[in-house]
PDB file of N, CA and C in Angstrom:
ATOM      1  N   MET A   1       0.856  -1.191   0.005  1.00  0.00           N
ATOM      2  CA  MET A   1      -0.020   0.000  -0.008  1.00  0.00           C
ATOM      3  C   MET A   1       0.905   1.255  -0.003  1.00  0.00           C
ATOM      4  N   SER A   2       0.503   2.216  -0.765  1.00  0.00           N
ATOM      5  CA  SER A   2       1.263   3.452  -0.781  1.00  0.00           C
ATOM      6  C   SER A   2       0.945   4.307   0.482  1.00  0.00           C
ATOM      7  N   ILE A   3       1.817   5.190   0.737  1.00  0.00           N
ATOM      8  CA  ILE A   3       1.631   6.023   1.950  1.00  0.00           C
ATOM      9  C   ILE A   3       0.587   7.069   1.664  1.00  0.00           C
ATOM     10  N   PRO A   4      -0.452   7.189   2.474  1.00  0.00           N
ATOM     11  CA  PRO A   4      -1.494   8.182   2.203  1.00  0.00           C
ATOM     12  C   PRO A   4      -1.023   9.573   2.504  1.00  0.00           C
ATOM     13  N   LEU A   5      -1.562  10.539   1.868  1.00  0.00           N
ATOM     14  CA  LEU A   5      -1.235  11.975   2.124  1.00  0.00           C
ATOM     15  C   LEU A   5      -1.896  12.338   3.431  1.00  0.00           C
ATOM     16  N   GLN A   6      -1.215  13.126   4.232  1.00  0.00           N
ATOM     17  CA  GLN A   6      -1.743  13.550   5.506  1.00  0.00           C
ATOM     18  C   GLN A   6      -2.518  14.816   5.406  1.00  0.00           C
ATOM     19  N   VAL A   7      -2.326  15.630   4.338  1.00  0.00           N
ATOM     20  CA  VAL A   7      -3.067  16.815   4.136  1.00  0.00           C
ATOM     21  C   VAL A   7      -3.353  16.934   2.624  1.00  0.00           C
ATOM     22  N   LEU A   8      -4.605  17.307   2.342  1.00  0.00           N
ATOM     23  CA  LEU A   8      -5.097  17.492   0.982  1.00  0.00           C
ATOM     24  C   LEU A   8      -5.808  18.818   0.948  1.00  0.00           C
ATOM     25  N   ALA A   9      -6.137  19.307  -0.284  1.00  0.00           N
ATOM     26  CA  ALA A   9      -6.898  20.547  -0.458  1.00  0.00           C
ATOM     27  C   ALA A   9      -8.006  20.328  -1.449  1.00  0.00           C
ATOM     28  N   SER A  10      -9.130  20.950  -1.221  1.00  0.00           N
ATOM     29  CA  SER A  10     -10.258  20.880  -2.133  1.00  0.00           C
ATOM     30  C   SER A  10      -9.918  21.765  -3.353  1.00  0.00           C
ATOM     31  N   ASP A  11     -10.658  21.591  -4.402  1.00  0.00           N
ATOM     32  CA  ASP A  11     -10.477  22.455  -5.599  1.00  0.00           C
ATOM     33  C   ASP A  11     -10.657  23.907  -5.276  1.00  0.00           C
ATOM     34  N   SER A  12     -11.662  24.201  -4.389  1.00  0.00           N
ATOM     35  CA  SER A  12     -11.912  25.626  -3.965  1.00  0.00           C
ATOM     36  C   SER A  12     -10.689  26.174  -3.229  1.00  0.00           C
ATOM     37  N   ALA A  13     -10.095  25.332  -2.343  1.00  0.00           N
ATOM     38  CA  ALA A  13      -8.937  25.797  -1.655  1.00  0.00           C
ATOM     39  C   ALA A  13      -7.772  26.033  -2.599  1.00  0.00           C
ATOM     40  N   LEU A  14      -7.564  25.146  -3.561  1.00  0.00           N
ATOM     41  CA  LEU A  14      -6.495  25.314  -4.497  1.00  0.00           C
ATOM     42  C   LEU A  14      -6.621  26.605  -5.337  1.00  0.00           C
ATOM     43  N   GLU A  15      -7.917  26.914  -5.692  1.00  0.00           N
ATOM     44  CA  GLU A  15      -8.181  28.161  -6.441  1.00  0.00           C
ATOM     45  C   GLU A  15      -7.782  29.348  -5.609  1.00  0.00           C
ATOM     46  N   LEU A  16      -8.184  29.365  -4.334  1.00  0.00           N
ATOM     47  CA  LEU A  16      -7.878  30.450  -3.455  1.00  0.00           C
ATOM     48  C   LEU A  16      -6.403  30.554  -3.206  1.00  0.00           C
ATOM     49  N   ILE A  17      -5.700  29.449  -3.045  1.00  0.00           N
ATOM     50  CA  ILE A  17      -4.253  29.464  -2.877  1.00  0.00           C
ATOM     51  C   ILE A  17      -3.637  30.088  -4.111  1.00  0.00           C
ATOM     52  N   ASP A  18      -4.028  29.766  -5.291  1.00  0.00           N
ATOM     53  CA  ASP A  18      -3.468  30.422  -6.546  1.00  0.00           C
ATOM     54  C   ASP A  18      -3.714  31.878  -6.501  1.00  0.00           C
ATOM     55  N   LYS A  19      -4.926  32.297  -6.194  1.00  0.00           N
ATOM     56  CA  LYS A  19      -5.244  33.761  -6.111  1.00  0.00           C
ATOM     57  C   LYS A  19      -4.381  34.479  -5.093  1.00  0.00           C
ATOM     58  N   LEU A  20      -4.223  33.845  -3.926  1.00  0.00           N
ATOM     59  CA  LEU A  20      -3.376  34.514  -2.874  1.00  0.00           C
ATOM     60  C   LEU A  20      -1.884  34.534  -3.251  1.00  0.00           C
ATOM     61  N   ARG A  21      -1.445  33.493  -3.942  1.00  0.00           N
ATOM     62  CA  ARG A  21      -0.044  33.457  -4.402  1.00  0.00           C
ATOM     63  C   ARG A  21       0.198  34.541  -5.395  1.00  0.00           C
ATOM     64  N   ALA A  22      -0.796  34.830  -6.295  1.00  0.00           N
ATOM     65  CA  ALA A  22      -0.637  35.885  -7.288  1.00  0.00           C
ATOM     66  C   ALA A  22      -0.501  37.264  -6.627  1.00  0.00           C
ATOM     67  N   LYS A  23      -1.166  37.413  -5.499  1.00  0.00           N
ATOM     68  CA  LYS A  23      -1.148  38.706  -4.780  1.00  0.00           C
ATOM     69  C   LYS A  23       0.025  38.821  -3.824  1.00  0.00           C
ATOM     70  N   HIS A  24       0.441  37.749  -3.181  1.00  0.00           N
ATOM     71  CA  HIS A  24       1.384  37.815  -2.048  1.00  0.00           C
ATOM     72  C   HIS A  24       2.702  37.049  -2.263  1.00  0.00           C
ATOM     73  N   GLY A  25       2.815  36.308  -3.369  1.00  0.00           N
ATOM     74  CA  GLY A  25       4.014  35.505  -3.539  1.00  0.00           C
ATOM     75  C   GLY A  25       3.848  34.126  -2.950  1.00  0.00           C
ATOM     76  N   GLU A  26       4.946  33.420  -2.738  1.00  0.00           N
ATOM     77  CA  GLU A  26       4.937  32.067  -2.172  1.00  0.00           C
ATOM     78  C   GLU A  26       4.301  32.067  -0.818  1.00  0.00           C
ATOM     79  N   LEU A  27       3.592  30.930  -0.532  1.00  0.00           N
ATOM     80  CA  LEU A  27       2.780  30.835   0.684  1.00  0.00           C
ATOM     81  C   LEU A  27       3.176  29.663   1.547  1.00  0.00           C
ATOM     82  N   MET A  28       2.647  29.647   2.783  1.00  0.00           N
ATOM     83  CA  MET A  28       2.811  28.539   3.693  1.00  0.00           C
ATOM     84  C   MET A  28       1.567  28.494   4.566  1.00  0.00           C
ATOM     85  N   PHE A  29       1.329  27.345   5.135  1.00  0.00           N
ATOM     86  CA  PHE A  29       0.179  27.195   6.057  1.00  0.00           C
ATOM     87  C   PHE A  29       0.659  26.628   7.446  1.00  0.00           C
ATOM     88  N   HIS A  30      -0.028  27.056   8.495  1.00  0.00           N
ATOM     89  CA  HIS A  30       0.180  26.489   9.790  1.00  0.00           C
ATOM     90  C   HIS A  30      -1.191  26.310  10.432  1.00  0.00           C
ATOM     91  N   GLN A  31      -1.476  25.059  10.873  1.00  0.00           N
ATOM     92  CA  GLN A  31      -2.773  24.774  11.502  1.00  0.00           C
ATOM     93  C   GLN A  31      -2.707  25.411  12.909  1.00  0.00           C
ATOM     94  N   SER A  32      -3.535  26.412  13.130  1.00  0.00           N
ATOM     95  CA  SER A  32      -3.650  27.090  14.415  1.00  0.00           C
ATOM     96  C   SER A  32      -4.177  26.085  15.457  1.00  0.00           C
ATOM     97  N   GLY A  33      -3.631  26.225  16.633  1.00  0.00           N
ATOM     98  CA  GLY A  33      -4.043  25.303  17.700  1.00  0.00           C
ATOM     99  C   GLY A  33      -4.992  25.904  18.661  1.00  0.00           C
ATOM    100  N   GLY A  34      -5.562  27.036  18.346  1.00  0.00           N
ATOM    101  CA  GLY A  34      -6.503  27.705  19.250  1.00  0.00           C
ATOM    102  C   GLY A  34      -6.118  29.096  19.486  1.00  0.00           C
ATOM    103  N   CYS A  35      -6.390  29.592  20.644  1.00  0.00           N
ATOM    104  CA  CYS A  35      -6.167  30.987  21.098  1.00  0.00           C
ATOM    105  C   CYS A  35      -7.088  31.889  20.299  1.00  0.00           C
ATOM    106  N   CYS A  36      -6.589  33.041  19.849  1.00  0.00           N
ATOM    107  CA  CYS A  36      -7.428  34.072  19.318  1.00  0.00           C
ATOM    108  C   CYS A  36      -8.056  33.736  17.992  1.00  0.00           C
ATOM    109  N   ASP A  37      -7.509  32.853  17.171  1.00  0.00           N
ATOM    110  CA  ASP A  37      -8.140  32.472  15.898  1.00  0.00           C
ATOM    111  C   ASP A  37      -8.697  31.098  15.886  1.00  0.00           C
ATOM    112  N   GLY A  38      -8.914  30.450  17.022  1.00  0.00           N
ATOM    113  CA  GLY A  38      -9.468  29.147  17.090  1.00  0.00           C
ATOM    114  C   GLY A  38      -8.540  28.124  16.447  1.00  0.00           C
ATOM    115  N   SER A  39      -9.075  27.012  16.040  1.00  0.00           N
ATOM    116  CA  SER A  39      -8.296  25.988  15.410  1.00  0.00           C
ATOM    117  C   SER A  39      -8.591  25.997  13.932  1.00  0.00           C
ATOM    118  N   SER A  40      -7.791  26.706  13.203  1.00  0.00           N
ATOM    119  CA  SER A  40      -8.059  26.885  11.763  1.00  0.00           C
ATOM    120  C   SER A  40      -6.740  26.939  11.002  1.00  0.00           C
ATOM    121  N   PRO A  41      -6.751  26.559   9.718  1.00  0.00           N
ATOM    122  CA  PRO A  41      -5.547  26.646   8.920  1.00  0.00           C
ATOM    123  C   PRO A  41      -5.240  28.110   8.614  1.00  0.00           C
ATOM    124  N   MET A  42      -4.084  28.561   8.945  1.00  0.00           N
ATOM    125  CA  MET A  42      -3.682  29.963   8.694  1.00  0.00           C
ATOM    126  C   MET A  42      -2.695  29.996   7.526  1.00  0.00           C
ATOM    127  N   CYS A  43      -2.965  30.951   6.601  1.00  0.00           N
ATOM    128  CA  CYS A  43      -2.144  31.119   5.406  1.00  0.00           C
ATOM    129  C   CYS A  43      -1.260  32.349   5.566  1.00  0.00           C
ATOM    130  N   PHE A  44      -0.013  32.229   5.344  1.00  0.00           N
ATOM    131  CA  PHE A  44       0.984  33.293   5.464  1.00  0.00           C
ATOM    132  C   PHE A  44       1.846  33.343   4.213  1.00  0.00           C
ATOM    133  N   GLN A  45       2.513  34.511   4.015  1.00  0.00           N
ATOM    134  CA  GLN A  45       3.590  34.505   3.040  1.00  0.00           C
ATOM    135  C   GLN A  45       4.661  33.547   3.518  1.00  0.00           C
ATOM    136  N   LEU A  46       5.295  32.878   2.640  1.00  0.00           N
ATOM    137  CA  LEU A  46       6.314  31.925   2.992  1.00  0.00           C
ATOM    138  C   LEU A  46       7.397  32.573   3.832  1.00  0.00           C
ATOM    139  N   GLY A  47       7.703  32.009   5.042  1.00  0.00           N
ATOM    140  CA  GLY A  47       8.664  32.614   5.918  1.00  0.00           C
ATOM    141  C   GLY A  47       8.116  33.578   6.938  1.00  0.00           C
ATOM    142  N   GLU A  48       6.851  34.055   6.731  1.00  0.00           N
ATOM    143  CA  GLU A  48       6.319  35.027   7.656  1.00  0.00           C
ATOM    144  C   GLU A  48       5.970  34.422   8.993  1.00  0.00           C
ATOM    145  N   PHE A  49       5.645  33.164   9.055  1.00  0.00           N
ATOM    146  CA  PHE A  49       5.424  32.440  10.306  1.00  0.00           C
ATOM    147  C   PHE A  49       6.631  31.570  10.588  1.00  0.00           C
ATOM    148  N   LEU A  50       7.279  31.740  11.685  1.00  0.00           N
ATOM    149  CA  LEU A  50       8.514  31.011  11.945  1.00  0.00           C
ATOM    150  C   LEU A  50       8.182  29.587  12.507  1.00  0.00           C
ATOM    151  N   VAL A  51       8.613  28.589  11.779  1.00  0.00           N
ATOM    152  CA  VAL A  51       8.491  27.214  12.240  1.00  0.00           C
ATOM    153  C   VAL A  51       9.799  26.744  12.794  1.00  0.00           C
ATOM    154  N   GLY A  52       9.730  25.776  13.709  1.00  0.00           N
ATOM    155  CA  GLY A  52      10.954  25.274  14.319  1.00  0.00           C
ATOM    156  C   GLY A  52      10.795  23.777  14.689  1.00  0.00           C
ATOM    157  N   ASP A  53      11.631  23.398  15.675  1.00  0.00           N
ATOM    158  CA  ASP A  53      11.601  22.011  16.102  1.00  0.00           C
ATOM    159  C   ASP A  53      10.359  21.540  16.715  1.00  0.00           C
ATOM    160  N   SER A  54       9.512  22.501  17.123  1.00  0.00           N
ATOM    161  CA  SER A  54       8.207  22.080  17.748  1.00  0.00           C
ATOM    162  C   SER A  54       7.097  21.970  16.676  1.00  0.00           C
ATOM    163  N   ASP A  55       7.426  22.011  15.376  1.00  0.00           N
ATOM    164  CA  ASP A  55       6.477  21.904  14.310  1.00  0.00           C
ATOM    165  C   ASP A  55       6.741  20.750  13.425  1.00  0.00           C
ATOM    166  N   VAL A  56       5.721  20.224  12.818  1.00  0.00           N
ATOM    167  CA  VAL A  56       5.801  19.067  11.892  1.00  0.00           C
ATOM    168  C   VAL A  56       5.228  19.525  10.546  1.00  0.00           C
ATOM    169  N   GLN A  57       5.925  19.240   9.455  1.00  0.00           N
ATOM    170  CA  GLN A  57       5.409  19.486   8.140  1.00  0.00           C
ATOM    171  C   GLN A  57       4.628  18.226   7.724  1.00  0.00           C
ATOM    172  N   LEU A  58       3.275  18.415   7.484  1.00  0.00           N
ATOM    173  CA  LEU A  58       2.421  17.294   7.078  1.00  0.00           C
ATOM    174  C   LEU A  58       2.502  17.048   5.607  1.00  0.00           C
ATOM    175  N   GLY A  59       2.875  18.025   4.846  1.00  0.00           N
ATOM    176  CA  GLY A  59       2.892  17.925   3.358  1.00  0.00           C
ATOM    177  C   GLY A  59       2.784  19.304   2.731  1.00  0.00           C
ATOM    178  N   GLU A  60       2.245  19.309   1.535  1.00  0.00           N
ATOM    179  CA  GLU A  60       2.030  20.557   0.820  1.00  0.00           C
ATOM    180  C   GLU A  60       0.647  20.582   0.243  1.00  0.00           C
ATOM    181  N   ILE A  61       0.057  21.750   0.111  1.00  0.00           N
ATOM    182  CA  ILE A  61      -1.175  21.944  -0.592  1.00  0.00           C
ATOM    183  C   ILE A  61      -1.023  23.069  -1.582  1.00  0.00           C
ATOM    184  N   GLY A  62      -1.297  22.786  -2.789  1.00  0.00           N
ATOM    185  CA  GLY A  62      -1.095  23.797  -3.870  1.00  0.00           C
ATOM    186  C   GLY A  62       0.325  24.304  -3.899  1.00  0.00           C
ATOM    187  N   GLY A  63       1.314  23.470  -3.535  1.00  0.00           N
ATOM    188  CA  GLY A  63       2.705  23.872  -3.557  1.00  0.00           C
ATOM    189  C   GLY A  63       3.143  24.639  -2.333  1.00  0.00           C
ATOM    190  N   ALA A  64       2.284  24.826  -1.369  1.00  0.00           N
ATOM    191  CA  ALA A  64       2.597  25.559  -0.144  1.00  0.00           C
ATOM    192  C   ALA A  64       2.781  24.546   0.999  1.00  0.00           C
ATOM    193  N   PRO A  65       3.893  24.640   1.726  1.00  0.00           N
ATOM    194  CA  PRO A  65       4.105  23.706   2.865  1.00  0.00           C
ATOM    195  C   PRO A  65       3.025  23.921   3.946  1.00  0.00           C
ATOM    196  N   PHE A  66       2.616  22.823   4.610  1.00  0.00           N
ATOM    197  CA  PHE A  66       1.565  22.840   5.611  1.00  0.00           C
ATOM    198  C   PHE A  66       2.162  22.263   6.896  1.00  0.00           C
ATOM    199  N   TYR A  67       2.095  23.061   7.962  1.00  0.00           N
ATOM    200  CA  TYR A  67       2.700  22.703   9.256  1.00  0.00           C
ATOM    201  C   TYR A  67       1.643  22.645  10.349  1.00  0.00           C
ATOM    202  N   MET A  68       2.016  21.962  11.429  1.00  0.00           N
ATOM    203  CA  MET A  68       1.219  21.847  12.644  1.00  0.00           C
ATOM    204  C   MET A  68       2.201  21.658  13.798  1.00  0.00           C
ATOM    205  N   SER A  69       1.809  22.104  14.995  1.00  0.00           N
ATOM    206  CA  SER A  69       2.701  21.921  16.128  1.00  0.00           C
ATOM    207  C   SER A  69       2.774  20.391  16.440  1.00  0.00           C
ATOM    208  N   LYS A  70       3.907  19.931  16.958  1.00  0.00           N
ATOM    209  CA  LYS A  70       4.030  18.500  17.268  1.00  0.00           C
ATOM    210  C   LYS A  70       3.022  18.077  18.328  1.00  0.00           C
ATOM    211  N   SER A  71       2.773  18.924  19.300  1.00  0.00           N
ATOM    212  CA  SER A  71       1.795  18.572  20.341  1.00  0.00           C
ATOM    213  C   SER A  71       0.387  18.424  19.780  1.00  0.00           C
ATOM    214  N   GLN A  72       0.004  19.274  18.852  1.00  0.00           N
ATOM    215  CA  GLN A  72      -1.290  19.150  18.206  1.00  0.00           C
ATOM    216  C   GLN A  72      -1.356  17.928  17.274  1.00  0.00           C
ATOM    217  N   PHE A  73      -0.242  17.656  16.603  1.00  0.00           N
ATOM    218  CA  PHE A  73      -0.152  16.551  15.715  1.00  0.00           C
ATOM    219  C   PHE A  73      -0.447  15.246  16.445  1.00  0.00           C
ATOM    220  N   GLU A  74      -0.016  15.147  17.739  1.00  0.00           N
ATOM    221  CA  GLU A  74      -0.284  13.952  18.495  1.00  0.00           C
ATOM    222  C   GLU A  74      -1.736  13.640  18.618  1.00  0.00           C
ATOM    223  N   TYR A  75      -2.617  14.659  18.586  1.00  0.00           N
ATOM    224  CA  TYR A  75      -4.047  14.465  18.619  1.00  0.00           C
ATOM    225  C   TYR A  75      -4.598  14.163  17.247  1.00  0.00           C
ATOM    226  N   TRP A  76      -3.989  14.692  16.198  1.00  0.00           N
ATOM    227  CA  TRP A  76      -4.533  14.615  14.829  1.00  0.00           C
ATOM    228  C   TRP A  76      -3.871  13.563  13.988  1.00  0.00           C
ATOM    229  N   LYS A  77      -2.856  12.900  14.443  1.00  0.00           N
ATOM    230  CA  LYS A  77      -2.055  12.008  13.575  1.00  0.00           C
ATOM    231  C   LYS A  77      -2.848  10.794  13.015  1.00  0.00           C
ATOM    232  N   HIS A  78      -4.002  10.551  13.561  1.00  0.00           N
ATOM    233  CA  HIS A  78      -4.853   9.437  13.109  1.00  0.00           C
ATOM    234  C   HIS A  78      -5.792   9.933  11.949  1.00  0.00           C
ATOM    235  N   THR A  79      -5.682  11.195  11.594  1.00  0.00           N
ATOM    236  CA  THR A  79      -6.622  11.749  10.632  1.00  0.00           C
ATOM    237  C   THR A  79      -5.940  12.314   9.400  1.00  0.00           C
ATOM    238  N   GLN A  80      -6.648  12.223   8.272  1.00  0.00           N
ATOM    239  CA  GLN A  80      -6.217  12.896   7.086  1.00  0.00           C
ATOM    240  C   GLN A  80      -6.962  14.262   7.023  1.00  0.00           C
ATOM    241  N   LEU A  81      -6.289  15.354   6.846  1.00  0.00           N
ATOM    242  CA  LEU A  81      -6.838  16.621   6.820  1.00  0.00           C
ATOM    243  C   LEU A  81      -7.126  17.048   5.369  1.00  0.00           C
ATOM    244  N   THR A  82      -8.314  17.624   5.188  1.00  0.00           N
ATOM    245  CA  THR A  82      -8.587  18.236   3.851  1.00  0.00           C
ATOM    246  C   THR A  82      -8.878  19.730   4.076  1.00  0.00           C
ATOM    247  N   ILE A  83      -8.125  20.620   3.503  1.00  0.00           N
ATOM    248  CA  ILE A  83      -8.286  22.034   3.646  1.00  0.00           C
ATOM    249  C   ILE A  83      -9.295  22.460   2.587  1.00  0.00           C
ATOM    250  N   ASP A  84     -10.343  23.139   3.032  1.00  0.00           N
ATOM    251  CA  ASP A  84     -11.435  23.552   2.157  1.00  0.00           C
ATOM    252  C   ASP A  84     -11.608  25.048   2.356  1.00  0.00           C
ATOM    253  N   VAL A  85     -12.581  25.612   1.676  1.00  0.00           N
ATOM    254  CA  VAL A  85     -12.908  27.070   1.742  1.00  0.00           C
ATOM    255  C   VAL A  85     -14.368  27.186   1.933  1.00  0.00           C
ATOM    256  N   VAL A  86     -14.755  28.107   2.827  1.00  0.00           N
ATOM    257  CA  VAL A  86     -16.164  28.451   3.036  1.00  0.00           C
ATOM    258  C   VAL A  86     -16.305  29.972   3.098  1.00  0.00           C
ATOM    259  N   PRO A  87     -17.509  30.475   2.841  1.00  0.00           N
ATOM    260  CA  PRO A  87     -17.677  31.937   2.989  1.00  0.00           C
ATOM    261  C   PRO A  87     -17.547  32.302   4.470  1.00  0.00           C
ATOM    262  N   GLY A  88     -17.036  33.502   4.690  1.00  0.00           N
ATOM    263  CA  GLY A  88     -16.920  34.019   6.026  1.00  0.00           C
ATOM    264  C   GLY A  88     -15.612  34.669   6.288  1.00  0.00           C
ATOM    265  N   ARG A  89     -15.411  35.049   7.466  1.00  0.00           N
ATOM    266  CA  ARG A  89     -14.231  35.797   7.901  1.00  0.00           C
ATOM    267  C   ARG A  89     -13.204  34.799   8.466  1.00  0.00           C
ATOM    268  N   GLY A  90     -12.027  34.804   7.910  1.00  0.00           N
ATOM    269  CA  GLY A  90     -10.935  33.889   8.382  1.00  0.00           C
ATOM    270  C   GLY A  90     -10.242  34.465   9.580  1.00  0.00           C
ATOM    271  N   GLY A  91      -9.228  33.788   9.966  1.00  0.00           N
ATOM    272  CA  GLY A  91      -8.364  34.296  11.085  1.00  0.00           C
ATOM    273  C   GLY A  91      -7.802  35.660  10.769  1.00  0.00           C
ATOM    274  N   MET A  92      -7.701  36.497  11.841  1.00  0.00           N
ATOM    275  CA  MET A  92      -7.245  37.885  11.566  1.00  0.00           C
ATOM    276  C   MET A  92      -5.837  37.948  11.044  1.00  0.00           C
ATOM    277  N   PHE A  93      -5.035  36.926  11.208  1.00  0.00           N
ATOM    278  CA  PHE A  93      -3.676  36.966  10.696  1.00  0.00           C
ATOM    279  C   PHE A  93      -3.487  36.207   9.358  1.00  0.00           C
ATOM    280  N   SER A  94      -4.512  35.559   8.927  1.00  0.00           N
ATOM    281  CA  SER A  94      -4.460  34.760   7.716  1.00  0.00           C
ATOM    282  C   SER A  94      -4.749  35.559   6.471  1.00  0.00           C
ATOM    283  N   LEU A  95      -3.997  35.325   5.371  1.00  0.00           N
ATOM    284  CA  LEU A  95      -4.101  36.119   4.167  1.00  0.00           C
ATOM    285  C   LEU A  95      -5.401  36.138   3.468  1.00  0.00           C
ATOM    286  N   GLU A  96      -6.289  35.126   3.684  1.00  0.00           N
ATOM    287  CA  GLU A  96      -7.514  35.093   2.918  1.00  0.00           C
ATOM    288  C   GLU A  96      -8.580  36.006   3.511  1.00  0.00           C
ATOM    289  N   GLY A  97      -8.325  36.590   4.680  1.00  0.00           N
ATOM    290  CA  GLY A  97      -9.321  37.417   5.351  1.00  0.00           C
ATOM    291  C   GLY A  97     -10.075  38.438   4.479  1.00  0.00           C
ATOM    292  N   PRO A  98      -9.372  39.246   3.716  1.00  0.00           N
ATOM    293  CA  PRO A  98     -10.011  40.241   2.871  1.00  0.00           C
ATOM    294  C   PRO A  98     -10.832  39.651   1.719  1.00  0.00           C
ATOM    295  N   GLU A  99     -10.718  38.392   1.473  1.00  0.00           N
ATOM    296  CA  GLU A  99     -11.380  37.778   0.291  1.00  0.00           C
ATOM    297  C   GLU A  99     -12.833  37.407   0.579  1.00  0.00           C
ATOM    298  N   GLY A 100     -13.302  37.518   1.829  1.00  0.00           N
ATOM    299  CA  GLY A 100     -14.681  37.156   2.190  1.00  0.00           C
ATOM    300  C   GLY A 100     -14.830  35.621   2.283  1.00  0.00           C
ATOM    301  N   LEU A 101     -13.702  34.977   2.351  1.00  0.00           N
ATOM    302  CA  LEU A 101     -13.642  33.456   2.435  1.00  0.00           C
ATOM    303  C   LEU A 101     -12.726  33.088   3.616  1.00  0.00           C
ATOM    304  N   ARG A 102     -12.838  31.837   4.075  1.00  0.00           N
ATOM    305  CA  ARG A 102     -11.929  31.373   5.078  1.00  0.00           C
ATOM    306  C   ARG A 102     -11.557  29.929   4.793  1.00  0.00           C
ATOM    307  N   PHE A 103     -10.334  29.587   5.120  1.00  0.00           N
ATOM    308  CA  PHE A 103      -9.913  28.188   5.034  1.00  0.00           C
ATOM    309  C   PHE A 103     -10.516  27.410   6.222  1.00  0.00           C
ATOM    310  N   LEU A 104     -10.866  26.148   5.998  1.00  0.00           N
ATOM    311  CA  LEU A 104     -11.477  25.327   6.991  1.00  0.00           C
ATOM    312  C   LEU A 104     -10.851  23.937   6.895  1.00  0.00           C
ATOM    313  N   THR A 105     -10.599  23.327   8.048  1.00  0.00           N
ATOM    314  CA  THR A 105     -10.027  22.003   8.049  1.00  0.00           C
ATOM    315  C   THR A 105     -11.113  20.949   8.245  1.00  0.00           C
ATOM    316  N   ARG A 106     -11.220  20.003   7.340  1.00  0.00           N
ATOM    317  CA  ARG A 106     -12.084  18.857   7.490  1.00  0.00           C
ATOM    318  C   ARG A 106     -11.203  17.670   7.692  1.00  0.00           C
ATOM    319  N   SER A 107     -11.694  16.675   8.405  1.00  0.00           N
ATOM    320  CA  SER A 107     -10.832  15.530   8.670  1.00  0.00           C
ATOM    321  C   SER A 107     -11.585  14.194   8.627  1.00  0.00           C
ATOM    322  N   ARG A 108     -10.867  13.163   8.344  1.00  0.00           N
ATOM    323  CA  ARG A 108     -11.387  11.792   8.421  1.00  0.00           C
ATOM    324  C   ARG A 108     -10.315  10.903   9.029  1.00  0.00           C
ATOM    325  N   MET A 109     -10.751   9.878   9.715  1.00  0.00           N
ATOM    326  CA  MET A 109      -9.825   8.950  10.329  1.00  0.00           C
ATOM    327  C   MET A 109      -9.199   8.042   9.276  1.00  0.00           C
ATOM    328  N   PHE A 110      -7.866   7.832   9.403  1.00  0.00           N
ATOM    329  CA  PHE A 110      -7.213   6.847   8.511  1.00  0.00           C
ATOM    330  C   PHE A 110      -7.759   5.486   8.884  1.00  0.00           C
ATOM    331  N   ASN A 111      -7.894   4.563   7.877  1.00  0.00           N
ATOM    332  CA  ASN A 111      -8.224   3.227   8.239  1.00  0.00           C
ATOM    333  C   ASN A 111      -6.950   2.495   8.734  1.00  0.00           C
ATOM    334  N   ASP A 112      -7.119   1.275   9.227  1.00  0.00           N
ATOM    335  CA  ASP A 112      -5.991   0.552   9.814  1.00  0.00           C
ATOM    336  C   ASP A 112      -4.812   0.352   8.871  1.00  0.00           C
ATOM    337  N   ASP A 113      -5.097   0.062   7.587  1.00  0.00           N
ATOM    338  CA  ASP A 113      -4.025  -0.158   6.631  1.00  0.00           C
ATOM    339  C   ASP A 113      -3.330   1.130   6.337  1.00  0.00           C
ATOM    340  N   GLU A 114      -4.041   2.231   6.202  1.00  0.00           N
ATOM    341  CA  GLU A 114      -3.387   3.524   5.938  1.00  0.00           C
ATOM    342  C   GLU A 114      -2.532   3.924   7.094  1.00  0.00           C
ATOM    343  N   TYR A 115      -3.051   3.788   8.293  1.00  0.00           N
ATOM    344  CA  TYR A 115      -2.262   4.157   9.512  1.00  0.00           C
ATOM    345  C   TYR A 115      -0.991   3.319   9.610  1.00  0.00           C
ATOM    346  N   ALA A 116      -1.124   1.992   9.351  1.00  0.00           N
ATOM    347  CA  ALA A 116       0.008   1.137   9.338  1.00  0.00           C
ATOM    348  C   ALA A 116       1.070   1.538   8.332  1.00  0.00           C
ATOM    349  N   ALA A 117       0.659   2.011   7.182  1.00  0.00           N
ATOM    350  CA  ALA A 117       1.572   2.492   6.131  1.00  0.00           C
ATOM    351  C   ALA A 117       2.288   3.747   6.609  1.00  0.00           C
ATOM    352  N   LEU A 118       1.565   4.653   7.285  1.00  0.00           N
ATOM    353  CA  LEU A 118       2.197   5.841   7.819  1.00  0.00           C
ATOM    354  C   LEU A 118       3.217   5.484   8.929  1.00  0.00           C
ATOM    355  N   GLU A 119       2.857   4.548   9.746  1.00  0.00           N
ATOM    356  CA  GLU A 119       3.741   4.129  10.805  1.00  0.00           C
ATOM    357  C   GLU A 119       5.042   3.514  10.218  1.00  0.00           C
ATOM    358  N   ALA A 120       4.823   2.648   9.230  1.00  0.00           N
ATOM    359  CA  ALA A 120       6.004   1.999   8.618  1.00  0.00           C
ATOM    360  C   ALA A 120       6.956   3.029   7.937  1.00  0.00           C
ATOM    361  N   ALA A 121       6.378   4.122   7.468  1.00  0.00           N
ATOM    362  CA  ALA A 121       7.126   5.196   6.840  1.00  0.00           C
ATOM    363  C   ALA A 121       7.698   6.183   7.824  1.00  0.00           C
ATOM    364  N   GLY A 122       7.402   5.991   9.108  1.00  0.00           N
ATOM    365  CA  GLY A 122       7.889   6.940  10.167  1.00  0.00           C
ATOM    366  C   GLY A 122       7.186   8.289  10.138  1.00  0.00           C
ATOM    367  N   ARG A 123       5.965   8.332   9.635  1.00  0.00           N
ATOM    368  CA  ARG A 123       5.228   9.589   9.454  1.00  0.00           C
ATOM    369  C   ARG A 123       4.334   9.884  10.689  1.00  0.00           C
ATOM    370  N   VAL A 124       4.147   8.909  11.588  1.00  0.00           N
ATOM    371  CA  VAL A 124       3.335   9.212  12.783  1.00  0.00           C
ATOM    372  C   VAL A 124       4.067   8.752  14.053  1.00  0.00           C
TER     373      VAL A 124
END
């Protein structure tokens, strides 16, 4: 079995990523763990949000790296994330805010075979 992707993006999210990249240059994402913006995917210009040893890169969406804190990943490692877009106001620090749209994380549990493949690959 191939290793499943840990983060995906809907077609709507990919369209918004392309639009934001045209305006702001290369992008990156970090899954917020709460606080002032709740738990939502935050979009930044590449390098604007500093990641370090306490962060895990889950993959890329639309060519933009997607990160999450290691502590939050411990709770979410059993799930595949799909980044989507819905109408509304995004996080105050996220680039999509002025677009009248916000990124949203949807998730589904990996099945036993998928999770075993991730474990064998050292991804969880």
